[in-house]
C-alpha atoms as a PDB file:
ATOM      1  CA  MET A   1     203.872 312.294 -49.949  1.00  0.00           C
ATOM      2  CA  ALA A   2     200.068 312.440 -50.176  1.00  0.00           C
ATOM      3  CA  LYS A   3     198.545 314.489 -52.950  1.00  0.00           C
ATOM      4  CA  LYS A   4     195.757 316.895 -52.168  1.00  0.00           C
ATOM      5  CA  ASN A   5     192.728 316.735 -54.446  1.00  0.00           C
ATOM      6  CA  VAL A   6     192.306 320.099 -56.119  1.00  0.00           C
ATOM      7  CA  VAL A   7     188.764 321.021 -57.129  1.00  0.00           C
ATOM      8  CA  SER A   8     188.496 322.788 -60.447  1.00  0.00           C
ATOM      9  CA  GLN A   9     186.831 326.159 -59.932  1.00  0.00           C
ATOM     10  CA  THR A  10     184.808 325.990 -63.152  1.00  0.00           C
ATOM     11  CA  ASN A  11     183.157 322.580 -62.741  1.00  0.00           C
ATOM     12  CA  TYR A  12     181.278 323.127 -59.482  1.00  0.00           C
ATOM     13  CA  ARG A  13     178.897 325.707 -58.068  1.00  0.00           C
ATOM     14  CA  CYS A  14     177.422 326.392 -54.625  1.00  0.00           C
ATOM     15  CA  ARG A  15     174.521 324.053 -55.435  1.00  0.00           C
ATOM     16  CA  ASP A  16     177.048 321.160 -55.471  1.00  0.00           C
ATOM     17  CA  CYS A  17     178.431 321.974 -52.010  1.00  0.00           C
ATOM     18  CA  ARG A  18     177.391 319.931 -49.001  1.00  0.00           C
ATOM     19  CA  HIS A  19     177.309 323.052 -46.796  1.00  0.00           C
ATOM     20  CA  ALA A  20     174.554 324.729 -48.845  1.00  0.00           C
ATOM     21  CA  TYR A  21     171.159 324.479 -47.169  1.00  0.00           C
ATOM     22  CA  ASP A  22     167.764 326.185 -46.959  1.00  0.00           C
ATOM     23  CA  TYR A  23     167.197 326.821 -50.655  1.00  0.00           C
ATOM     24  CA  HIS A  24     164.866 329.805 -51.074  1.00  0.00           C
ATOM     25  CA  GLU A  25     163.799 332.536 -53.521  1.00  0.00           C
ATOM     26  CA  LYS A  26     162.227 330.952 -56.582  1.00  0.00           C
ATOM     27  CA  ASN A  27     162.464 332.448 -60.068  1.00  0.00           C
ATOM     28  CA  LEU A  28     159.574 332.634 -62.542  1.00  0.00           C
ATOM     29  CA  LYS A  29     160.161 329.025 -63.600  1.00  0.00           C
ATOM     30  CA  GLY A  30     159.803 327.813 -59.997  1.00  0.00           C
ATOM     31  CA  GLU A  31     163.490 326.931 -59.552  1.00  0.00           C
ATOM     32  CA  TYR A  32     165.380 327.938 -56.425  1.00  0.00           C
ATOM     33  CA  PHE A  33     168.306 330.303 -56.958  1.00  0.00           C
ATOM     34  CA  MET A  34     169.516 331.215 -53.455  1.00  0.00           C
ATOM     35  CA  CYS A  35     170.807 329.221 -50.487  1.00  0.00           C
ATOM     36  CA  LYS A  36     172.326 329.743 -47.073  1.00  0.00           C
ATOM     37  CA  CYS A  37     175.857 328.830 -46.096  1.00  0.00           C
ATOM     38  CA  PRO A  38     177.162 328.532 -42.507  1.00  0.00           C
ATOM     39  CA  PHE A  39     180.394 330.311 -43.514  1.00  0.00           C
ATOM     40  CA  GLN A  40     178.719 333.377 -45.066  1.00  0.00           C
ATOM     41  CA  LYS A  41     176.744 336.135 -43.368  1.00  0.00           C
ATOM     42  CA  ARG A  42     174.251 336.487 -46.193  1.00  0.00           C
ATOM     43  CA  SER A  43     172.445 334.230 -48.635  1.00  0.00           C
ATOM     44  CA  MET A  44     174.427 333.030 -51.640  1.00  0.00           C
ATOM     45  CA  PHE A  45     173.448 332.436 -55.258  1.00  0.00           C
ATOM     46  CA  LEU A  46     173.353 328.744 -56.173  1.00  0.00           C
ATOM     47  CA  ASN A  47     175.229 329.449 -59.419  1.00  0.00           C
ATOM     48  CA  ARG A  48     178.102 331.205 -57.659  1.00  0.00           C
ATOM     49  CA  ASP A  49     181.601 329.781 -58.153  1.00  0.00           C
ATOM     50  CA  VAL A  50     182.847 327.648 -55.297  1.00  0.00           C
ATOM     51  CA  CYS A  51     184.739 329.061 -52.332  1.00  0.00           C
ATOM     52  CA  ASP A  52     187.771 327.700 -50.496  1.00  0.00           C
ATOM     53  CA  ARG A  53     185.572 325.693 -48.066  1.00  0.00           C
ATOM     54  CA  PHE A  54     183.834 323.740 -50.833  1.00  0.00           C
ATOM     55  CA  GLU A  55     183.047 320.064 -50.164  1.00  0.00           C
ATOM     56  CA  LYS A  56     181.264 318.052 -52.808  1.00  0.00           C
ATOM     57  CA  LYS A  57     177.943 316.398 -51.933  1.00  0.00           C
ATOM     58  CA  ARG A  58     178.056 312.639 -51.721  1.00  0.00           C
END
């Protein structure tokens, strides 16, 4: 039986997901803190915990 790789919820954030795109909204330091996701209606925080559709960037 094949084992499914389980992603630990604490190690990854939205910024590590391959679905995150269009980074916008810079903070005072000039770092982006929001992104868009095709599975969400609204923009997401890059530091948000991962969702069930998370796929790690290559």
